Amino acid sequence: MPRARRHFLTGYAWHITHRCHEKEFLLRFAKDRRSWMHWLLEAKRRYGFRVLNYIATSNHIHLLVLDRGDGQSISRSMQLTAGRTAQQFNHRKKRKGAFWEDRYHATAVETGHHLFSCLTYIDLNMVRAGVVSHPCEWEFGGYAEMMTMSPAIWNWTKAGGLKVLSAPCIFFPKIPHNVFFYLAFIP
């Protein structure tokens, strides 16, 4: 029986998770997580979806994204990112077989509290796993990128003790303004 088609509702953020095959630690090396991030950036450039947050762990990934409104940018981006990451890994390891566990899982995220909960959940993933004590210590996630960009890419100003973004970076060119108030919740 064929798989059911995915239906993406436009105007929503989507929390996407994708687990490595049989929960193996196929992304355990930094070069593999960097490869996934490289292909995520390439997918973002090709298909124009927006990444609000992300994290690449040793055995799964999380993405919080917005599509272009065409219903295709997310699925095409995931196909490129997952497919190329798997191809590179399998080629390097002289391995055949599945890299990812089935299809990715996508959940619509409402704005407001649900969005902030999802941002926090993604950023605290490696903290909950006991790998790091703060999200900024994990370099393969959106929190670290938001907090450690060079002044050439980021233009930070202080506003009431909060850092406020005034220039785009690689993954976050059009973040909703209220997301930066979220940064204050993780000291």
N, C-alpha and C. Protein backbone atom coordinates (compact mmCIF):
# COMPACT_ATOMS: atom_id res chain seq x y z
N MET A 1 0.84 -1.17 0.00
CA MET A 1 0.00 0.00 0.00
C MET A 1 0.90 1.25 0.00
N PRO A 2 0.64 2.23 -0.84
CA PRO A 2 1.48 3.42 -0.90
C PRO A 2 1.32 4.28 0.35
N ARG A 3 2.37 5.06 0.60
CA ARG A 3 2.32 5.98 1.74
C ARG A 3 1.30 7.08 1.50
N ALA A 4 0.73 7.56 2.58
CA ALA A 4 -0.20 8.68 2.48
C ALA A 4 0.59 9.94 2.15
N ARG A 5 0.01 10.81 1.35
CA ARG A 5 0.66 12.07 1.02
C ARG A 5 0.69 12.98 2.25
N ARG A 6 1.75 13.75 2.35
CA ARG A 6 1.83 14.75 3.43
C ARG A 6 1.05 15.99 2.99
N HIS A 7 0.41 16.62 3.94
CA HIS A 7 -0.29 17.86 3.67
C HIS A 7 0.23 18.92 4.62
N PHE A 8 0.89 19.93 4.08
CA PHE A 8 1.40 21.02 4.89
C PHE A 8 0.45 22.20 4.81
N LEU A 9 0.08 22.71 5.96
CA LEU A 9 -0.76 23.89 6.03
C LEU A 9 0.16 25.11 5.98
N THR A 10 -0.12 26.02 5.09
CA THR A 10 0.70 27.22 4.99
C THR A 10 0.41 28.14 6.17
N GLY A 11 1.39 28.94 6.51
CA GLY A 11 1.24 29.89 7.60
C GLY A 11 1.59 29.35 8.97
N TYR A 12 2.02 28.11 9.04
CA TYR A 12 2.42 27.51 10.30
C TYR A 12 3.92 27.29 10.33
N ALA A 13 4.47 27.28 11.52
CA ALA A 13 5.82 26.77 11.71
C ALA A 13 5.68 25.26 11.84
N TRP A 14 6.72 24.53 11.45
CA TRP A 14 6.68 23.07 11.52
C TRP A 14 7.87 22.57 12.31
N HIS A 15 7.59 21.73 13.31
CA HIS A 15 8.64 21.06 14.07
C HIS A 15 8.89 19.72 13.39
N ILE A 16 10.08 19.56 12.87
CA ILE A 16 10.43 18.35 12.13
C ILE A 16 11.48 17.58 12.92
N THR A 17 11.27 16.29 13.04
CA THR A 17 12.27 15.41 13.65
C THR A 17 12.57 14.28 12.67
N HIS A 18 13.81 13.85 12.69
CA HIS A 18 14.24 12.76 11.83
C HIS A 18 15.29 11.97 12.59
N ARG A 19 15.04 10.69 12.77
CA ARG A 19 15.91 9.84 13.58
C ARG A 19 16.75 8.94 12.69
N CYS A 20 18.00 8.71 13.12
CA CYS A 20 18.87 7.78 12.39
C CYS A 20 18.33 6.36 12.49
N HIS A 21 18.64 5.55 11.50
CA HIS A 21 18.17 4.18 11.41
C HIS A 21 18.48 3.38 12.68
N GLU A 22 17.46 2.74 13.21
CA GLU A 22 17.56 1.91 14.43
C GLU A 22 18.20 2.66 15.60
N LYS A 23 18.00 3.96 15.63
CA LYS A 23 18.52 4.83 16.70
C LYS A 23 20.04 4.75 16.83
N GLU A 24 20.71 4.38 15.74
CA GLU A 24 22.17 4.33 15.75
C GLU A 24 22.73 5.74 15.82
N PHE A 25 23.95 5.87 16.29
CA PHE A 25 24.61 7.16 16.42
C PHE A 25 25.38 7.46 15.13
N LEU A 26 24.67 7.57 14.03
CA LEU A 26 25.29 7.80 12.74
C LEU A 26 25.77 9.23 12.56
N LEU A 27 25.30 10.13 13.39
CA LEU A 27 25.75 11.53 13.36
C LEU A 27 26.67 11.83 14.54
N ARG A 28 27.36 10.81 15.05
CA ARG A 28 28.16 11.00 16.26
C ARG A 28 29.40 11.86 16.04
N PHE A 29 29.91 11.90 14.80
CA PHE A 29 31.10 12.69 14.53
C PHE A 29 30.71 14.08 14.04
N ALA A 30 31.50 15.07 14.44
CA ALA A 30 31.21 16.45 14.07
C ALA A 30 31.14 16.62 12.55
N LYS A 31 31.98 15.91 11.81
CA LYS A 31 31.95 16.07 10.35
C LYS A 31 30.62 15.62 9.75
N ASP A 32 29.98 14.64 10.37
CA ASP A 32 28.67 14.20 9.88
C ASP A 32 27.58 15.22 10.19
N ARG A 33 27.65 15.81 11.39
CA ARG A 33 26.68 16.86 11.73
C ARG A 33 26.92 18.10 10.87
N ARG A 34 28.19 18.42 10.57
CA ARG A 34 28.49 19.55 9.68
C ARG A 34 27.98 19.28 8.27
N SER A 35 28.09 18.05 7.83
CA SER A 35 27.56 17.68 6.51
C SER A 35 26.06 17.91 6.46
N TRP A 36 25.35 17.47 7.51
CA TRP A 36 23.90 17.69 7.56
C TRP A 36 23.59 19.19 7.53
N MET A 37 24.36 19.98 8.30
CA MET A 37 24.13 21.43 8.32
C MET A 37 24.43 22.06 6.95
N HIS A 38 25.47 21.57 6.29
CA HIS A 38 25.80 22.07 4.95
C HIS A 38 24.62 21.84 4.00
N TRP A 39 24.06 20.63 4.03
CA TRP A 39 22.95 20.33 3.12
C TRP A 39 21.67 21.05 3.53
N LEU A 40 21.51 21.32 4.82
CA LEU A 40 20.37 22.12 5.27
C LEU A 40 20.48 23.54 4.70
N LEU A 41 21.67 24.11 4.76
CA LEU A 41 21.87 25.45 4.20
C LEU A 41 21.64 25.44 2.69
N GLU A 42 22.13 24.42 2.01
CA GLU A 42 21.91 24.32 0.56
C GLU A 42 20.42 24.20 0.25
N ALA A 43 19.70 23.41 1.02
CA ALA A 43 18.25 23.27 0.81
C ALA A 43 17.55 24.61 1.05
N LYS A 44 17.99 25.32 2.06
CA LYS A 44 17.42 26.63 2.36
C LYS A 44 17.63 27.58 1.18
N ARG A 45 18.82 27.55 0.61
CA ARG A 45 19.11 28.41 -0.55
C ARG A 45 18.29 28.01 -1.78
N ARG A 46 18.19 26.72 -2.03
CA ARG A 46 17.48 26.25 -3.22
C ARG A 46 15.98 26.43 -3.14
N TYR A 47 15.40 26.12 -1.98
CA TYR A 47 13.95 26.03 -1.90
C TYR A 47 13.30 27.15 -1.08
N GLY A 48 14.09 27.98 -0.44
CA GLY A 48 13.57 29.18 0.18
C GLY A 48 12.76 29.02 1.45
N PHE A 49 12.89 27.90 2.14
CA PHE A 49 12.17 27.82 3.41
C PHE A 49 13.00 28.50 4.49
N ARG A 50 12.37 28.86 5.59
CA ARG A 50 13.06 29.58 6.66
C ARG A 50 13.26 28.68 7.86
N VAL A 51 14.47 28.69 8.38
CA VAL A 51 14.82 27.89 9.55
C VAL A 51 14.75 28.80 10.77
N LEU A 52 13.85 28.50 11.69
CA LEU A 52 13.74 29.27 12.93
C LEU A 52 14.66 28.72 14.00
N ASN A 53 14.85 27.40 14.01
CA ASN A 53 15.73 26.78 14.98
C ASN A 53 16.07 25.38 14.48
N TYR A 54 17.15 24.84 14.98
CA TYR A 54 17.56 23.50 14.57
C TYR A 54 18.55 22.95 15.59
N ILE A 55 18.72 21.64 15.57
CA ILE A 55 19.79 20.99 16.33
C ILE A 55 20.07 19.65 15.65
N ALA A 56 21.34 19.33 15.58
CA ALA A 56 21.77 18.02 15.07
C ALA A 56 22.44 17.30 16.23
N THR A 57 21.87 16.21 16.66
CA THR A 57 22.44 15.41 17.75
C THR A 57 23.16 14.21 17.14
N SER A 58 23.57 13.29 17.96
CA SER A 58 24.30 12.12 17.47
C SER A 58 23.42 11.12 16.74
N ASN A 59 22.12 11.11 17.06
CA ASN A 59 21.26 10.12 16.41
C ASN A 59 19.93 10.66 15.88
N HIS A 60 19.73 11.96 15.93
CA HIS A 60 18.51 12.55 15.35
C HIS A 60 18.69 14.05 15.17
N ILE A 61 17.76 14.64 14.44
CA ILE A 61 17.77 16.09 14.24
C ILE A 61 16.40 16.66 14.59
N HIS A 62 16.41 17.93 14.90
CA HIS A 62 15.17 18.70 15.09
C HIS A 62 15.28 19.95 14.24
N LEU A 63 14.20 20.33 13.60
CA LEU A 63 14.11 21.57 12.84
C LEU A 63 12.82 22.28 13.20
N LEU A 64 12.87 23.58 13.25
CA LEU A 64 11.66 24.39 13.36
C LEU A 64 11.70 25.31 12.14
N VAL A 65 10.79 25.11 11.19
CA VAL A 65 10.87 25.79 9.91
C VAL A 65 9.53 26.40 9.49
N LEU A 66 9.63 27.35 8.58
CA LEU A 66 8.47 27.93 7.90
C LEU A 66 8.65 27.65 6.42
N ASP A 67 7.58 27.28 5.73
CA ASP A 67 7.72 27.07 4.29
C ASP A 67 7.44 28.36 3.53
N ARG A 68 7.63 28.31 2.23
CA ARG A 68 7.40 29.47 1.37
C ARG A 68 5.93 29.70 1.10
N GLY A 69 5.10 28.78 1.52
CA GLY A 69 3.67 28.89 1.24
C GLY A 69 3.26 28.08 0.04
N ASP A 70 4.19 27.34 -0.54
CA ASP A 70 3.87 26.54 -1.72
C ASP A 70 3.59 25.07 -1.37
N GLY A 71 3.82 24.68 -0.12
CA GLY A 71 3.58 23.31 0.30
C GLY A 71 4.63 22.32 -0.15
N GLN A 72 5.63 22.77 -0.88
CA GLN A 72 6.66 21.87 -1.39
C GLN A 72 8.06 22.14 -0.83
N SER A 73 8.31 23.33 -0.33
CA SER A 73 9.68 23.68 0.07
C SER A 73 10.19 22.80 1.21
N ILE A 74 9.33 22.44 2.15
CA ILE A 74 9.78 21.61 3.27
C ILE A 74 10.10 20.20 2.80
N SER A 75 9.21 19.59 2.04
CA SER A 75 9.46 18.21 1.61
C SER A 75 10.67 18.13 0.69
N ARG A 76 10.83 19.07 -0.21
CA ARG A 76 12.02 19.07 -1.08
C ARG A 76 13.30 19.32 -0.30
N SER A 77 13.22 20.21 0.66
CA SER A 77 14.40 20.49 1.50
C SER A 77 14.81 19.28 2.32
N MET A 78 13.82 18.59 2.88
CA MET A 78 14.13 17.40 3.67
C MET A 78 14.67 16.28 2.78
N GLN A 79 14.13 16.16 1.57
CA GLN A 79 14.63 15.14 0.65
C GLN A 79 16.10 15.41 0.31
N LEU A 80 16.43 16.65 0.01
CA LEU A 80 17.82 16.99 -0.31
C LEU A 80 18.73 16.79 0.89
N THR A 81 18.36 17.35 2.02
CA THR A 81 19.20 17.30 3.22
C THR A 81 19.42 15.86 3.69
N ALA A 82 18.36 15.11 3.84
CA ALA A 82 18.47 13.73 4.33
C ALA A 82 19.18 12.84 3.31
N GLY A 83 18.82 13.00 2.04
CA GLY A 83 19.40 12.16 1.01
C GLY A 83 20.89 12.37 0.83
N ARG A 84 21.31 13.61 0.75
CA ARG A 84 22.74 13.90 0.54
C ARG A 84 23.57 13.57 1.77
N THR A 85 23.02 13.81 2.95
CA THR A 85 23.75 13.44 4.17
C THR A 85 23.98 11.94 4.20
N ALA A 86 22.95 11.16 3.88
CA ALA A 86 23.06 9.70 3.87
C ALA A 86 24.04 9.23 2.80
N GLN A 87 23.97 9.82 1.60
CA GLN A 87 24.88 9.43 0.52
C GLN A 87 26.33 9.67 0.90
N GLN A 88 26.62 10.83 1.46
CA GLN A 88 28.00 11.13 1.85
C GLN A 88 28.50 10.17 2.93
N PHE A 89 27.66 9.93 3.92
CA PHE A 89 28.04 9.03 5.01
C PHE A 89 28.30 7.62 4.46
N ASN A 90 27.36 7.10 3.70
CA ASN A 90 27.49 5.75 3.17
C ASN A 90 28.70 5.62 2.23
N HIS A 91 28.96 6.63 1.45
CA HIS A 91 30.12 6.60 0.55
C HIS A 91 31.42 6.60 1.36
N ARG A 92 31.50 7.47 2.33
CA ARG A 92 32.70 7.56 3.15
C ARG A 92 32.96 6.28 3.93
N LYS A 93 31.91 5.66 4.44
CA LYS A 93 32.04 4.45 5.26
C LYS A 93 32.01 3.17 4.43
N LYS A 94 31.86 3.34 3.09
CA LYS A 94 31.72 2.17 2.20
C LYS A 94 30.61 1.25 2.72
N ARG A 95 29.49 1.85 2.94
CA ARG A 95 28.35 1.20 3.57
C ARG A 95 27.14 1.30 2.66
N LYS A 96 26.25 0.36 2.77
CA LYS A 96 24.97 0.40 2.06
C LYS A 96 23.85 0.30 3.08
N GLY A 97 22.70 0.75 2.67
CA GLY A 97 21.54 0.61 3.55
C GLY A 97 21.02 1.93 4.05
N ALA A 98 19.99 1.83 4.86
CA ALA A 98 19.28 3.01 5.35
C ALA A 98 20.13 3.80 6.33
N PHE A 99 20.01 5.10 6.24
CA PHE A 99 20.65 6.00 7.19
C PHE A 99 19.60 6.55 8.15
N TRP A 100 18.43 6.87 7.62
CA TRP A 100 17.36 7.45 8.41
C TRP A 100 16.27 6.42 8.70
N GLU A 101 15.66 6.56 9.85
CA GLU A 101 14.56 5.70 10.26
C GLU A 101 13.29 6.20 9.58
N ASP A 102 12.84 5.53 8.58
CA ASP A 102 11.59 5.85 7.89
C ASP A 102 11.55 7.31 7.45
N ARG A 103 10.39 7.89 7.41
CA ARG A 103 10.21 9.28 6.99
C ARG A 103 10.39 10.21 8.18
N TYR A 104 10.63 11.47 7.87
CA TYR A 104 10.70 12.46 8.94
C TYR A 104 9.30 12.70 9.49
N HIS A 105 9.24 13.19 10.71
CA HIS A 105 7.97 13.48 11.37
C HIS A 105 7.80 14.99 11.43
N ALA A 106 6.67 15.51 11.01
CA ALA A 106 6.41 16.95 11.01
C ALA A 106 5.14 17.25 11.79
N THR A 107 5.23 18.23 12.68
CA THR A 107 4.10 18.66 13.50
C THR A 107 3.92 20.16 13.35
N ALA A 108 2.71 20.60 13.06
CA ALA A 108 2.42 22.03 12.96
C ALA A 108 2.54 22.67 14.34
N VAL A 109 3.11 23.87 14.36
CA VAL A 109 3.33 24.59 15.61
C VAL A 109 2.60 25.92 15.52
N GLU A 110 1.76 26.20 16.51
CA GLU A 110 1.07 27.48 16.56
C GLU A 110 2.01 28.55 17.09
N THR A 111 1.66 29.79 16.89
CA THR A 111 2.48 30.88 17.41
C THR A 111 2.26 31.03 18.91
N GLY A 112 2.97 31.93 19.51
CA GLY A 112 2.82 32.19 20.93
C GLY A 112 3.51 31.15 21.79
N HIS A 113 2.81 30.70 22.83
CA HIS A 113 3.38 29.79 23.81
C HIS A 113 3.89 28.49 23.17
N HIS A 114 3.14 27.95 22.23
CA HIS A 114 3.54 26.70 21.57
C HIS A 114 4.87 26.88 20.83
N LEU A 115 5.04 28.01 20.15
CA LEU A 115 6.27 28.30 19.43
C LEU A 115 7.44 28.40 20.40
N PHE A 116 7.26 29.13 21.49
CA PHE A 116 8.33 29.27 22.48
C PHE A 116 8.66 27.94 23.14
N SER A 117 7.66 27.13 23.40
CA SER A 117 7.91 25.81 23.98
C SER A 117 8.74 24.95 23.03
N CYS A 118 8.43 25.04 21.76
CA CYS A 118 9.16 24.26 20.76
C CYS A 118 10.60 24.75 20.63
N LEU A 119 10.79 26.06 20.61
CA LEU A 119 12.15 26.62 20.57
C LEU A 119 12.98 26.13 21.75
N THR A 120 12.37 26.19 22.93
CA THR A 120 13.05 25.77 24.15
C THR A 120 13.35 24.27 24.12
N TYR A 121 12.38 23.49 23.69
CA TYR A 121 12.57 22.04 23.61
C TYR A 121 13.75 21.69 22.71
N ILE A 122 13.83 22.34 21.56
CA ILE A 122 14.93 22.06 20.64
C ILE A 122 16.27 22.49 21.26
N ASP A 123 16.32 23.69 21.79
CA ASP A 123 17.59 24.19 22.35
C ASP A 123 18.07 23.40 23.55
N LEU A 124 17.15 22.88 24.37
CA LEU A 124 17.55 22.17 25.58
C LEU A 124 17.73 20.66 25.36
N ASN A 125 17.67 20.21 24.12
CA ASN A 125 17.77 18.79 23.81
C ASN A 125 19.04 18.17 24.35
N MET A 126 20.18 18.77 24.09
CA MET A 126 21.45 18.20 24.53
C MET A 126 21.70 18.44 26.02
N VAL A 127 21.05 19.45 26.58
CA VAL A 127 21.12 19.66 28.03
C VAL A 127 20.38 18.53 28.74
N ARG A 128 19.18 18.22 28.26
CA ARG A 128 18.40 17.11 28.85
C ARG A 128 19.13 15.78 28.70
N ALA A 129 19.87 15.62 27.63
CA ALA A 129 20.62 14.37 27.40
C ALA A 129 21.87 14.30 28.28
N GLY A 130 22.21 15.40 28.95
CA GLY A 130 23.38 15.41 29.83
C GLY A 130 24.70 15.59 29.11
N VAL A 131 24.65 15.99 27.85
CA VAL A 131 25.88 16.17 27.06
C VAL A 131 26.52 17.51 27.34
N VAL A 132 25.72 18.55 27.52
CA VAL A 132 26.21 19.89 27.83
C VAL A 132 25.38 20.45 28.99
N SER A 133 25.89 21.51 29.61
CA SER A 133 25.13 22.11 30.70
C SER A 133 24.34 23.34 30.25
N HIS A 134 24.63 23.85 29.06
CA HIS A 134 23.93 25.01 28.51
C HIS A 134 23.88 24.87 26.99
N PRO A 135 22.80 25.30 26.34
CA PRO A 135 22.67 25.14 24.89
C PRO A 135 23.78 25.79 24.07
N CYS A 136 24.40 26.85 24.58
CA CYS A 136 25.45 27.52 23.81
C CYS A 136 26.70 26.65 23.69
N GLU A 137 26.82 25.60 24.50
CA GLU A 137 27.98 24.71 24.45
C GLU A 137 27.87 23.69 23.32
N TRP A 138 26.70 23.53 22.72
CA TRP A 138 26.52 22.57 21.63
C TRP A 138 26.56 23.35 20.32
N GLU A 139 27.62 23.17 19.55
CA GLU A 139 27.83 24.00 18.37
C GLU A 139 26.93 23.65 17.18
N PHE A 140 26.22 22.55 17.26
CA PHE A 140 25.42 22.10 16.13
C PHE A 140 23.94 22.41 16.32
N GLY A 141 23.66 23.61 16.80
CA GLY A 141 22.29 24.01 17.04
C GLY A 141 22.09 25.49 16.82
N GLY A 142 20.84 25.86 16.70
CA GLY A 142 20.49 27.24 16.43
C GLY A 142 20.84 28.20 17.56
N TYR A 143 20.72 27.74 18.79
CA TYR A 143 21.02 28.63 19.91
C TYR A 143 22.46 29.10 19.86
N ALA A 144 23.37 28.17 19.66
CA ALA A 144 24.79 28.52 19.58
C ALA A 144 25.05 29.47 18.42
N GLU A 145 24.39 29.23 17.30
CA GLU A 145 24.58 30.11 16.14
C GLU A 145 24.08 31.51 16.44
N MET A 146 22.92 31.62 17.07
CA MET A 146 22.38 32.94 17.39
C MET A 146 23.28 33.69 18.36
N MET A 147 23.91 32.97 19.29
CA MET A 147 24.67 33.63 20.34
C MET A 147 26.14 33.86 20.01
N THR A 148 26.69 33.20 18.99
CA THR A 148 28.14 33.28 18.78
C THR A 148 28.55 33.78 17.40
N MET A 149 27.65 34.34 16.62
CA MET A 149 28.02 34.83 15.30
C MET A 149 28.99 36.00 15.41
N SER A 150 29.86 36.12 14.42
CA SER A 150 30.83 37.22 14.41
C SER A 150 30.13 38.52 14.08
N PRO A 151 30.72 39.65 14.49
CA PRO A 151 30.10 40.95 14.20
C PRO A 151 29.89 41.21 12.71
N ALA A 152 30.65 40.55 11.84
CA ALA A 152 30.47 40.75 10.40
C ALA A 152 29.12 40.20 9.93
N ILE A 153 28.62 39.18 10.61
CA ILE A 153 27.35 38.59 10.23
C ILE A 153 26.22 39.12 11.10
N TRP A 154 26.49 39.24 12.38
CA TRP A 154 25.49 39.71 13.34
C TRP A 154 25.81 41.13 13.75
N ASN A 155 24.79 41.91 14.00
CA ASN A 155 24.96 43.25 14.52
C ASN A 155 24.11 43.35 15.78
N TRP A 156 24.73 43.05 16.91
CA TRP A 156 24.00 43.00 18.18
C TRP A 156 23.98 44.37 18.83
N THR A 157 22.88 44.71 19.44
CA THR A 157 22.79 45.91 20.26
C THR A 157 22.11 45.52 21.55
N LYS A 158 22.44 46.20 22.62
CA LYS A 158 21.79 45.95 23.90
C LYS A 158 20.52 46.77 24.00
N ALA A 159 19.46 46.13 24.43
CA ALA A 159 18.18 46.81 24.61
C ALA A 159 17.55 46.27 25.89
N GLY A 160 17.68 47.01 26.94
CA GLY A 160 17.10 46.57 28.20
C GLY A 160 17.71 45.27 28.71
N GLY A 161 19.00 45.08 28.47
CA GLY A 161 19.68 43.88 28.93
C GLY A 161 19.54 42.69 28.00
N LEU A 162 18.74 42.81 26.93
CA LEU A 162 18.58 41.71 25.98
C LEU A 162 19.39 42.01 24.73
N LYS A 163 19.90 40.97 24.12
CA LYS A 163 20.56 41.15 22.83
C LYS A 163 19.48 41.16 21.76
N VAL A 164 19.57 42.10 20.86
CA VAL A 164 18.56 42.23 19.80
C VAL A 164 19.28 42.18 18.46
N LEU A 165 18.79 41.37 17.57
CA LEU A 165 19.39 41.21 16.25
C LEU A 165 18.96 42.33 15.33
N SER A 166 19.93 42.90 14.59
CA SER A 166 19.56 43.90 13.60
C SER A 166 20.11 43.57 12.22
N ALA A 167 20.74 42.41 12.04
CA ALA A 167 21.23 41.98 10.72
C ALA A 167 21.06 40.48 10.60
N PRO A 168 20.85 39.98 9.39
CA PRO A 168 20.60 38.54 9.21
C PRO A 168 21.87 37.70 9.32
N CYS A 169 21.68 36.41 9.60
CA CYS A 169 22.79 35.47 9.56
C CYS A 169 22.41 34.34 8.61
N ILE A 170 23.20 33.31 8.57
CA ILE A 170 23.02 32.24 7.59
C ILE A 170 21.64 31.60 7.68
N PHE A 171 21.27 31.08 8.84
CA PHE A 171 20.03 30.33 8.96
C PHE A 171 18.84 31.17 9.40
N PHE A 172 19.07 32.36 9.91
CA PHE A 172 17.98 33.12 10.51
C PHE A 172 17.80 34.50 9.87
N PRO A 173 17.49 34.59 8.58
CA PRO A 173 17.40 35.90 7.95
C PRO A 173 16.17 36.70 8.33
N LYS A 174 15.06 36.06 8.68
CA LYS A 174 13.82 36.79 8.93
C LYS A 174 13.11 36.23 10.16
N ILE A 175 13.81 36.21 11.27
CA ILE A 175 13.19 35.68 12.48
C ILE A 175 12.16 36.67 12.99
N PRO A 176 10.99 36.19 13.39
CA PRO A 176 10.02 37.09 14.00
C PRO A 176 10.65 37.80 15.20
N HIS A 177 10.40 39.09 15.32
CA HIS A 177 11.03 39.91 16.36
C HIS A 177 10.87 39.32 17.76
N ASN A 178 9.70 38.77 18.07
CA ASN A 178 9.45 38.28 19.43
C ASN A 178 10.30 37.06 19.77
N VAL A 179 10.90 36.39 18.80
CA VAL A 179 11.74 35.24 19.10
C VAL A 179 12.95 35.67 19.91
N PHE A 180 13.43 36.89 19.72
CA PHE A 180 14.60 37.32 20.45
C PHE A 180 14.33 37.56 21.93
N PHE A 181 13.08 37.80 22.28
CA PHE A 181 12.75 37.86 23.69
C PHE A 181 12.89 36.48 24.31
N TYR A 182 12.73 35.45 23.49
CA TYR A 182 12.93 34.07 23.95
C TYR A 182 14.34 33.87 24.48
N LEU A 183 15.33 34.51 23.86
CA LEU A 183 16.73 34.32 24.28
C LEU A 183 16.93 34.70 25.74
N ALA A 184 16.09 35.56 26.26
CA ALA A 184 16.21 35.96 27.66
C ALA A 184 15.80 34.84 28.62
N PHE A 185 15.05 33.85 28.15
CA PHE A 185 14.58 32.78 29.01
C PHE A 185 15.66 31.75 29.31
N ILE A 186 16.71 31.70 28.49
CA ILE A 186 17.82 30.79 28.73
C ILE A 186 19.02 31.66 29.10
N PRO A 187 19.31 31.84 30.39
CA PRO A 187 20.35 32.77 30.82
C PRO A 187 21.74 32.38 30.35
